[in-house]
């Protein structure tokens, strides 16, 4: 991946190597096997700067007095038939590929479990009487070198993690920190062309860029978008989240224009080995444009109510469910009082193959989420310019919404939703239900940047 292609519309990026090339686990030697060599098969190779030799490992006098604690940022999972442990907070090099995961067996997991709190190595060695003591010590040191066990002097970073990220849980921590510091290669034209050839050779033909329901009844939308002459700064400053609507029907031209400028391609371009790609008004990493739009229509002139897929290639609505109504939407959005009264709502899904075809590193999922945000901003600004009141949210029942859209959540899954209607304004010009702030105390609103010593600047 190149940074430019991840943030912009085009670019051809380098192949991503499999990040899971695991060294073997530390070995515990049974007491009746002490005649065999004691050591770890590949332990200590996954951390930057690991240079402990076999002689160094054998000379552990005094080191066993150190107390260790199991890292609080470990993730265990099965990979290629091996139980694997990874410290997702481990600092990764951005210059060269390094292993950041270790294949382990059940005995190693049992060893890690002994270090819930800071524990002396001798105490742990004594708890494994069936194993050779030196093999247990060496396994402990290998786990420490691999970043899975930490001394008291090494826990400040993960303690800070738990202090600041505790509310979001393990899933958010693993995703955010586990996808940091990916390696990006050069962005020269020669490099991008070479990478595109590699992608084509390893991935085959590129996936389609449009989706269609060829057997579904269609509503072809007006081909001429409504002209928008509003001042750009005026549109930016007028944009607000609206929750109260008049209940009147939205004009067909306004509805069609909002969908066109949000989801339709403005141009197609030849990306060489990567095929033909679309260019929307919103940026998308590598111009993959993996996002699809589905529309729940309730109050739009000339459009029968129901759930539709927006066919971006034809600028048409394809009927999925004629019985989709506000009661269904109310359930899907946790009984939202903002979403349900809208004239129409848009559900944004990702066709993941479009991104994965080019970007093989999990960091690319970040970019897919960012692309959904770009699309949402385009929608709400366009709606504002059209005189509509818009909103956006991620508060929906994922599985139920996937089912309603007829997608499986794996090849394609819902990420985001937004909608609009004719807004109701309060007397001060703000959206109904929102009040301007009055007299405030600035000290309660502004945080001072912390100094290295822990104080505030």
Protein backbone atom coordinates (compact mmCIF):
# COMPACT_ATOMS: atom_id res chain seq x y z
CA UNK A 1 0.00 0.00 0.00
CA UNK A 2 1.19 3.51 -0.66
CA UNK A 3 0.03 6.33 1.53
CA UNK A 4 -0.98 8.39 -1.49
CA UNK A 5 -3.22 5.72 -2.94
CA UNK A 6 -4.85 5.02 0.40
CA UNK A 7 -5.94 8.65 0.75
CA UNK A 8 -6.57 9.64 -2.86
CA UNK A 9 -8.56 8.46 -5.83
CA UNK A 10 -5.95 6.57 -7.73
CA UNK A 11 -2.53 4.95 -7.55
CA UNK A 12 -1.23 1.43 -7.81
CA UNK A 13 0.23 -0.10 -4.73
CA UNK A 14 2.78 -2.77 -3.84
CA UNK A 15 2.04 -6.36 -2.92
CA UNK A 16 1.47 -6.98 0.74
CA UNK A 17 3.32 -9.87 2.32
CA UNK A 18 1.49 -12.24 4.66
CA UNK A 19 2.01 -10.64 8.10
CA UNK A 20 1.62 -14.02 9.81
CA UNK A 21 4.93 -15.81 9.35
CA UNK A 22 5.12 -17.29 12.83
CA UNK A 23 8.21 -18.52 14.64
CA UNK A 24 7.75 -21.67 16.69
CA UNK A 25 6.71 -21.58 20.30
CA UNK A 26 9.07 -21.84 23.27
CA UNK A 27 9.41 -25.46 24.37
CA UNK A 28 9.05 -26.85 27.86
CA UNK A 29 11.16 -29.99 28.31
CA UNK A 30 9.67 -32.82 30.37
CA UNK A 31 11.75 -34.00 33.28
CA UNK A 32 12.32 -37.41 31.64
CA UNK A 33 13.72 -35.68 28.54
CA UNK A 34 16.54 -33.75 30.23
CA UNK A 35 19.16 -35.59 28.22
CA UNK A 36 17.92 -33.68 25.16
CA UNK A 37 19.07 -30.12 24.37
CA UNK A 38 17.08 -27.45 26.15
CA UNK A 39 15.97 -24.45 24.12
CA UNK A 40 13.31 -22.63 22.17
CA UNK A 41 12.73 -23.46 18.54
CA UNK A 42 12.79 -20.00 17.06
CA UNK A 43 11.76 -18.13 20.21
CA UNK A 44 12.95 -14.58 20.55
CA UNK A 45 12.89 -13.84 16.83
CA UNK A 46 9.77 -11.71 16.61
CA UNK A 47 10.87 -8.59 18.45
CA UNK A 48 12.99 -5.81 16.97
CA UNK A 49 16.60 -6.05 18.03
CA UNK A 50 16.33 -9.65 19.25
CA UNK A 51 19.95 -10.83 19.41
CA UNK A 52 20.05 -13.20 22.38
CA UNK A 53 22.35 -16.10 21.52
CA UNK A 54 22.12 -19.66 22.80
CA UNK A 55 25.03 -18.96 25.13
CA UNK A 56 23.26 -15.89 26.47
CA UNK A 57 20.11 -17.92 27.12
CA UNK A 58 22.08 -20.62 28.89
CA UNK A 59 23.64 -18.05 31.21
CA UNK A 60 20.53 -16.94 33.07
CA UNK A 61 21.96 -16.70 36.57
CA UNK A 62 20.30 -13.82 38.35
CA UNK A 63 17.75 -13.19 35.58
CA UNK A 64 15.27 -15.59 37.13
CA UNK A 65 14.91 -13.17 40.06
CA UNK A 66 13.10 -10.71 37.80
CA UNK A 67 9.33 -10.55 38.18
CA UNK A 68 7.21 -10.63 35.05
CA UNK A 69 3.59 -9.89 34.27
CA UNK A 70 1.70 -11.12 31.24
CA UNK A 71 1.08 -8.34 28.75
CA UNK A 72 -2.45 -6.95 28.90
CA UNK A 73 -2.53 -6.47 25.11
CA UNK A 74 -2.37 -10.06 23.89
CA UNK A 75 -4.69 -11.61 21.32
CA UNK A 76 -4.91 -15.37 20.72
CA UNK A 77 -6.36 -16.90 17.58
CA UNK A 78 -5.94 -19.88 15.27
CA UNK A 79 -3.91 -19.29 12.11
CA UNK A 80 -3.16 -22.05 9.59
CA UNK A 81 -3.91 -24.68 12.19
CA UNK A 82 -1.68 -23.15 14.87
CA UNK A 83 -2.73 -21.37 18.03
CA UNK A 84 -1.11 -17.98 17.73
CA UNK A 85 -0.52 -15.19 20.23
CA UNK A 86 0.17 -11.60 19.27
CA UNK A 87 0.97 -8.50 21.29
CA UNK A 88 -0.91 -5.92 19.25
CA UNK A 89 0.66 -3.05 21.20
CA UNK A 90 4.17 -4.15 20.23
CA UNK A 91 5.93 -1.41 18.29
CA UNK A 92 6.34 -2.37 14.64
CA UNK A 93 9.06 -1.25 12.29
CA UNK A 94 7.86 0.86 9.37
CA UNK A 95 11.04 0.07 7.43
CA UNK A 96 11.10 -3.72 7.25
CA UNK A 97 8.77 -6.66 7.73
CA UNK A 98 8.97 -8.23 11.19
CA UNK A 99 7.12 -11.07 12.84
CA UNK A 100 4.66 -9.87 15.43
CA UNK A 101 3.03 -13.16 16.35
CA UNK A 102 4.12 -16.40 17.91
CA UNK A 103 2.75 -19.93 17.50
CA UNK A 104 2.16 -21.47 20.92
CA UNK A 105 1.03 -24.77 22.41
CA UNK A 106 -1.19 -25.42 25.42
CA UNK A 107 1.80 -25.64 27.77
CA UNK A 108 2.97 -22.19 26.72
CA UNK A 109 -0.54 -20.85 27.33
CA UNK A 110 -0.44 -22.45 30.77
CA UNK A 111 2.92 -20.77 31.36
CA UNK A 112 1.54 -17.37 30.37
CA UNK A 113 -1.43 -17.89 32.68
CA UNK A 114 0.93 -18.05 35.68
CA UNK A 115 1.85 -14.39 35.15
CA UNK A 116 -1.51 -12.70 35.69
CA UNK A 117 0.24 -10.38 38.13
CA UNK A 118 3.93 -9.74 38.70
CA UNK A 119 5.39 -13.10 39.62
CA UNK A 120 8.90 -14.35 40.41
CA UNK A 121 10.33 -16.76 37.84
CA UNK A 122 11.42 -19.25 40.53
CA UNK A 123 7.85 -19.48 41.75
CA UNK A 124 6.63 -20.29 38.26
CA UNK A 125 9.43 -22.81 37.66
CA UNK A 126 8.42 -24.61 40.83
CA UNK A 127 4.83 -24.86 39.58
CA UNK A 128 5.99 -27.03 36.65
CA UNK A 129 7.63 -29.98 38.48
CA UNK A 130 7.10 -32.26 35.49
CA UNK A 131 9.38 -30.08 33.35
CA UNK A 132 13.10 -29.44 33.39
CA UNK A 133 13.58 -26.20 35.41
CA UNK A 134 16.05 -24.73 32.94
CA UNK A 135 13.67 -25.29 30.05
CA UNK A 136 10.95 -23.44 31.96
CA UNK A 137 13.31 -20.56 32.72
CA UNK A 138 14.37 -20.35 29.12
CA UNK A 139 10.76 -20.44 27.91
CA UNK A 140 9.96 -17.56 30.29
CA UNK A 141 12.88 -15.51 28.97
CA UNK A 142 11.86 -16.24 25.39
CA UNK A 143 8.31 -15.08 26.10
CA UNK A 144 9.71 -11.94 27.71
CA UNK A 145 11.92 -11.30 24.70
CA UNK A 146 8.93 -11.74 22.43
CA UNK A 147 7.04 -9.07 24.37
CA UNK A 148 4.47 -11.39 25.91
CA UNK A 149 5.84 -11.04 29.44
CA UNK A 150 6.88 -7.67 30.81
CA UNK A 151 8.98 -6.43 33.71
CA UNK A 152 7.80 -3.62 35.96
CA UNK A 153 9.88 -1.19 33.91
CA UNK A 154 8.13 -2.21 30.66
CA UNK A 155 4.45 -1.83 31.51
CA UNK A 156 4.02 1.96 31.28
CA UNK A 157 2.83 1.87 27.66
CA UNK A 158 0.17 -0.79 28.14
CA UNK A 159 -0.94 0.73 31.44
CA UNK A 160 -1.48 3.95 29.53
CA UNK A 161 -3.45 1.98 26.92
CA UNK A 162 -5.81 0.54 29.51
CA UNK A 163 -6.16 3.92 31.22
CA UNK A 164 -7.18 5.73 28.05
CA UNK A 165 -8.89 2.99 25.99
CA UNK A 166 -10.59 0.96 28.71
CA UNK A 167 -14.11 2.07 27.80
CA UNK A 168 -13.92 0.76 24.24
CA UNK A 169 -12.86 -2.79 25.05
CA UNK A 170 -10.56 -5.30 23.43
CA UNK A 171 -12.12 -5.18 19.97
CA UNK A 172 -11.41 -1.49 19.42
CA UNK A 173 -7.92 -1.69 20.93
CA UNK A 174 -6.94 -4.64 18.75
CA UNK A 175 -8.24 -3.04 15.57
CA UNK A 176 -6.68 0.37 16.15
CA UNK A 177 -3.27 -0.63 17.45
CA UNK A 178 -3.04 -3.86 15.46
CA UNK A 179 -3.28 -1.93 12.18
CA UNK A 180 -0.84 0.85 13.07
CA UNK A 181 2.56 1.25 11.42
CA UNK A 182 1.93 -0.69 8.24
CA UNK A 183 4.74 -0.57 5.70
CA UNK A 184 4.15 1.59 2.63
CA UNK A 185 6.43 1.21 -0.35
CA UNK A 186 7.45 3.67 -3.04
CA UNK A 187 4.97 5.64 -5.11
CA UNK A 188 6.92 6.04 -8.31
CA UNK A 189 5.12 5.37 -11.58
CA UNK A 190 7.37 2.38 -12.25
CA UNK A 191 6.64 0.94 -8.80
CA UNK A 192 2.89 1.41 -9.16
CA UNK A 193 2.84 -0.27 -12.54
CA UNK A 194 4.89 -3.16 -11.22
CA UNK A 195 2.56 -3.55 -8.27
CA UNK A 196 -0.50 -3.46 -10.52
CA UNK A 197 0.94 -6.30 -12.60
CA UNK A 198 1.59 -8.32 -9.43
CA UNK A 199 -1.97 -7.71 -8.23
CA UNK A 200 -3.37 -8.87 -11.57
CA UNK A 201 -1.13 -11.95 -11.61
CA UNK A 202 -2.01 -13.01 -8.06
CA UNK A 203 -5.62 -11.81 -7.90
CA UNK A 204 -6.84 -12.53 -11.42
CA UNK A 205 -9.29 -10.25 -13.19
CA UNK A 206 -10.45 -7.24 -11.15
CA UNK A 207 -13.94 -7.45 -9.62
CA UNK A 208 -16.87 -5.56 -11.21
CA UNK A 209 -17.22 -1.95 -10.09
CA UNK A 210 -21.01 -1.86 -10.37
CA UNK A 211 -23.72 -3.99 -8.80
CA UNK A 212 -27.12 -4.67 -10.34
CA UNK A 213 -30.38 -6.53 -9.68
CA UNK A 214 -31.25 -7.29 -13.32
CA UNK A 215 -34.61 -8.93 -12.58
CA UNK A 216 -35.88 -6.24 -10.21
CA UNK A 217 -38.44 -3.61 -11.25
CA UNK A 218 -36.74 -0.25 -11.77
CA UNK A 219 -37.44 3.42 -11.32
CA UNK A 220 -35.23 5.39 -13.71
CA UNK A 221 -34.37 8.70 -12.09
CA UNK A 222 -34.16 12.04 -13.91
CA UNK A 223 -30.85 12.24 -15.79
CA UNK A 224 -30.41 15.98 -15.40
CA UNK A 225 -29.38 16.82 -11.81
CA UNK A 226 -30.83 19.96 -10.32
CA UNK A 227 -28.47 22.91 -10.69
CA UNK A 228 -26.96 24.00 -7.39
CA UNK A 229 -25.72 27.60 -7.24
CA UNK A 230 -25.45 28.07 -3.49
CA UNK A 231 -22.25 29.64 -2.17
CA UNK A 232 -19.88 26.91 -0.96
CA UNK A 233 -19.09 28.56 2.37
CA UNK A 234 -22.79 29.15 2.95
CA UNK A 235 -23.49 25.44 2.44
CA UNK A 236 -20.68 24.45 4.81
CA UNK A 237 -21.89 26.74 7.58
CA UNK A 238 -25.56 25.82 7.15
CA UNK A 239 -24.95 22.10 7.50
CA UNK A 240 -26.49 20.75 10.67
CA UNK A 241 -27.87 17.42 11.82
CA UNK A 242 -31.66 17.52 11.56
CA UNK A 243 -34.05 15.40 13.60
CA UNK A 244 -37.43 17.04 12.96
CA UNK A 245 -39.13 17.05 9.55
CA UNK A 246 -42.33 18.52 8.12
CA UNK A 247 -43.60 15.22 6.70
CA UNK A 248 -44.00 16.76 3.24
CA UNK A 249 -42.78 14.91 0.19
CA UNK A 250 -39.30 15.63 -1.15
CA UNK A 251 -39.25 16.72 -4.78
CA UNK A 252 -38.12 13.99 -7.17
CA UNK A 253 -35.46 16.26 -8.67
CA UNK A 254 -33.94 16.94 -5.25
CA UNK A 255 -34.00 13.26 -4.31
CA UNK A 256 -32.39 12.18 -7.59
CA UNK A 257 -29.76 14.91 -7.35
CA UNK A 258 -28.75 13.90 -3.82
CA UNK A 259 -28.28 10.27 -4.90
CA UNK A 260 -26.48 11.23 -8.11
CA UNK A 261 -23.84 13.42 -6.49
CA UNK A 262 -23.35 10.94 -3.64
CA UNK A 263 -23.24 7.55 -5.36
CA UNK A 264 -22.98 7.96 -9.14
CA UNK A 265 -19.67 8.01 -11.04
CA UNK A 266 -18.67 11.36 -12.47
CA UNK A 267 -16.17 9.68 -14.78
CA UNK A 268 -14.61 6.29 -15.50
CA UNK A 269 -10.90 5.90 -16.01
CA UNK A 270 -8.48 3.33 -17.38
CA UNK A 271 -6.33 1.95 -14.52
CA UNK A 272 -4.32 -0.43 -16.70
CA UNK A 273 -3.88 -3.85 -15.09
CA UNK A 274 -6.33 -2.81 -12.38
CA UNK A 275 -9.13 -2.45 -14.91
CA UNK A 276 -11.67 0.31 -15.39
CA UNK A 277 -12.48 2.26 -12.23
CA UNK A 278 -15.02 4.92 -11.33
CA UNK A 279 -14.47 8.40 -9.94
CA UNK A 280 -17.13 9.73 -7.60
CA UNK A 281 -17.38 13.16 -5.99
CA UNK A 282 -15.95 11.61 -2.80
CA UNK A 283 -12.38 10.28 -2.50
CA UNK A 284 -11.76 6.58 -1.99
CA UNK A 285 -8.46 4.73 -1.46
CA UNK A 286 -7.14 3.55 -4.81
CA UNK A 287 -10.46 4.49 -6.44
CA UNK A 288 -11.79 1.11 -5.31
CA UNK A 289 -15.21 2.62 -4.54
CA UNK A 290 -16.35 -0.43 -2.66
CA UNK A 291 -19.44 1.30 -1.24
CA UNK A 292 -22.97 0.56 -2.44
CA UNK A 293 -26.12 2.53 -1.72
CA UNK A 294 -29.57 1.21 -0.76
CA UNK A 295 -32.50 3.56 -0.25
CA UNK A 296 -35.59 3.33 1.92
CA UNK A 297 -38.20 5.62 0.33
CA UNK A 298 -41.15 6.95 2.31
CA UNK A 299 -42.06 10.48 1.17
CA UNK A 300 -40.61 11.22 -2.28
CA UNK A 301 -42.67 12.52 -5.17
CA UNK A 302 -43.20 9.93 -7.87
CA UNK A 303 -41.43 7.05 -6.07
CA UNK A 304 -43.51 4.22 -4.57
CA UNK A 305 -42.48 3.56 -0.94
CA UNK A 306 -40.18 0.62 -0.40
CA UNK A 307 -36.57 -0.50 -0.16
CA UNK A 308 -34.41 -0.08 -3.25
CA UNK A 309 -30.86 -0.59 -4.45
CA UNK A 310 -29.35 2.42 -6.18
CA UNK A 311 -27.83 1.26 -9.45
CA UNK A 312 -24.95 3.70 -9.89
CA UNK A 313 -24.29 2.66 -13.49
CA UNK A 314 -27.87 3.31 -14.62
CA UNK A 315 -28.87 6.05 -12.13
CA UNK A 316 -31.91 3.95 -11.28
CA UNK A 317 -33.62 2.44 -8.26
CA UNK A 318 -34.06 -1.36 -8.21
CA UNK A 319 -36.89 -2.57 -5.99
CA UNK A 320 -35.83 -5.04 -3.29
CA UNK A 321 -38.77 -4.95 -0.85
CA UNK A 322 -42.05 -3.15 -1.58
CA UNK A 323 -43.24 -3.80 1.99
CA UNK A 324 -40.35 -2.00 3.70
CA UNK A 325 -41.95 0.70 5.85
CA UNK A 326 -41.31 3.04 8.75
CA UNK A 327 -42.20 0.37 11.30
CA UNK A 328 -39.39 -1.80 9.92
CA UNK A 329 -37.00 1.16 9.89
CA UNK A 330 -37.98 1.99 13.46
CA UNK A 331 -36.97 -1.48 14.57
CA UNK A 332 -33.70 -1.50 12.58
CA UNK A 333 -32.58 1.84 14.03
CA UNK A 334 -33.34 1.10 17.69
CA UNK A 335 -36.59 3.07 17.58
CA UNK A 336 -34.77 6.22 16.49
CA UNK A 337 -36.84 9.40 16.54
CA UNK A 338 -34.39 10.95 14.06
CA UNK A 339 -34.35 8.29 11.34
CA UNK A 340 -37.97 7.15 11.24
CA UNK A 341 -39.65 10.48 10.24
CA UNK A 342 -37.22 11.05 7.33
CA UNK A 343 -38.52 11.25 3.77
CA UNK A 344 -35.83 8.76 2.69
CA UNK A 345 -32.83 6.97 4.18
CA UNK A 346 -29.67 5.60 2.56
CA UNK A 347 -27.93 2.46 3.77
CA UNK A 348 -24.25 2.21 2.84
CA UNK A 349 -22.67 -1.21 2.41
CA UNK A 350 -19.16 -2.26 1.45
CA UNK A 351 -18.42 -4.88 -1.20
CA UNK A 352 -15.20 -5.93 0.48
CA UNK A 353 -13.75 -7.78 -2.51
CA UNK A 354 -13.28 -4.51 -4.38
CA UNK A 355 -10.85 -3.29 -1.73
CA UNK A 356 -9.24 -6.63 -0.91
CA UNK A 357 -8.43 -7.25 -4.56
CA UNK A 358 -5.82 -4.50 -4.41
CA UNK A 359 -5.10 -4.01 -0.72
CA UNK A 360 -4.20 -7.22 1.12
CA UNK A 361 -3.26 -5.60 4.45
CA UNK A 362 -5.87 -5.20 7.22
CA UNK A 363 -5.06 -1.49 7.49
CA UNK A 364 -7.11 -1.08 4.32
CA UNK A 365 -10.27 -1.65 6.38
CA UNK A 366 -9.55 1.68 8.06
CA UNK A 367 -9.66 3.31 4.66
CA UNK A 368 -12.99 1.66 3.82
CA UNK A 369 -14.49 3.17 6.97
CA UNK A 370 -12.99 6.56 6.11
CA UNK A 371 -14.47 6.29 2.62
CA UNK A 372 -17.92 5.75 4.14
CA UNK A 373 -17.41 8.96 6.11
CA UNK A 374 -16.42 10.84 2.95
CA UNK A 375 -19.58 9.62 1.26
CA UNK A 376 -21.69 10.70 4.23
CA UNK A 377 -20.23 14.21 4.18
CA UNK A 378 -20.91 14.52 0.47
CA UNK A 379 -24.52 13.47 1.07
CA UNK A 380 -25.22 15.89 3.90
CA UNK A 381 -23.58 18.84 2.10
CA UNK A 382 -25.48 18.09 -1.09
CA UNK A 383 -28.72 17.74 0.86
CA UNK A 384 -28.06 21.05 2.61
CA UNK A 385 -27.47 22.79 -0.72
CA UNK A 386 -30.79 21.35 -1.95
CA UNK A 387 -32.65 22.76 1.05
CA UNK A 388 -33.03 19.40 2.76
CA UNK A 389 -32.22 18.56 6.35
CA UNK A 390 -29.88 15.60 6.68
CA UNK A 391 -28.43 13.32 9.35
CA UNK A 392 -26.05 10.38 9.59
CA UNK A 393 -25.66 7.52 12.07
CA UNK A 394 -24.11 4.14 12.77
CA UNK A 395 -26.87 3.18 15.24
CA UNK A 396 -28.54 0.20 13.58
CA UNK A 397 -28.98 -3.52 14.15
CA UNK A 398 -26.23 -4.83 11.86
CA UNK A 399 -27.39 -8.42 11.34
CA UNK A 400 -31.04 -7.47 10.87
CA UNK A 401 -30.18 -4.68 8.45
CA UNK A 402 -27.91 -6.94 6.43
CA UNK A 403 -30.80 -9.41 6.23
CA UNK A 404 -33.23 -6.69 5.17
CA UNK A 405 -30.86 -5.64 2.38
CA UNK A 406 -30.29 -9.25 1.34
CA UNK A 407 -26.52 -9.20 1.94
CA UNK A 408 -24.59 -11.75 3.97
CA UNK A 409 -22.38 -9.42 6.03
CA UNK A 410 -19.23 -11.13 4.72
CA UNK A 411 -18.91 -10.47 1.00
CA UNK A 412 -20.99 -7.34 1.52
CA UNK A 413 -22.05 -5.72 4.77
CA UNK A 414 -23.64 -2.54 6.05
CA UNK A 415 -21.36 0.16 7.49
CA UNK A 416 -23.27 3.44 7.69
CA UNK A 417 -26.55 5.17 7.04
CA UNK A 418 -27.82 8.66 6.40
CA UNK A 419 -31.08 10.25 5.40
CA UNK A 420 -32.96 13.49 4.81
CA UNK A 421 -36.30 15.23 4.69
CA UNK A 422 -37.76 18.71 4.61
CA UNK A 423 -36.48 20.29 7.85
CA UNK A 424 -38.23 22.20 10.62
CA UNK A 425 -36.30 25.20 11.98
CA UNK A 426 -36.54 26.97 15.30
CA UNK A 427 -37.03 30.74 15.55
CA UNK A 428 -33.27 31.34 15.84
CA UNK A 429 -32.56 29.51 12.58
CA UNK A 430 -31.19 26.39 14.25
CA UNK A 431 -32.71 22.97 13.55
CA UNK A 432 -35.76 22.31 15.69
CA UNK A 433 -34.77 20.82 19.04
CA UNK A 434 -31.28 22.38 19.09
CA UNK A 435 -30.51 25.52 21.08
CA UNK A 436 -27.57 27.85 20.69
CA UNK A 437 -25.14 27.90 23.59
CA UNK A 438 -25.35 30.88 25.90
CA UNK A 439 -22.81 32.08 28.43
CA UNK A 440 -20.09 29.46 28.90
CA UNK A 441 -16.99 29.04 31.04
CA UNK A 442 -14.04 28.46 28.65
CA UNK A 443 -11.99 26.59 31.26
CA UNK A 444 -14.57 23.81 31.22
CA UNK A 445 -14.27 23.42 27.44
CA UNK A 446 -10.53 23.53 26.80
CA UNK A 447 -7.98 20.87 27.76
CA UNK A 448 -4.36 21.91 28.13
CA UNK A 449 -1.80 19.79 26.32
CA UNK A 450 0.02 17.64 28.91
CA UNK A 451 3.71 18.21 29.55
CA UNK A 452 6.14 15.25 29.49
CA UNK A 453 6.35 15.44 33.28
CA UNK A 454 2.59 14.91 33.55
CA UNK A 455 1.67 18.52 34.19
CA UNK A 456 -0.31 20.80 31.90
CA UNK A 457 1.15 23.48 29.66
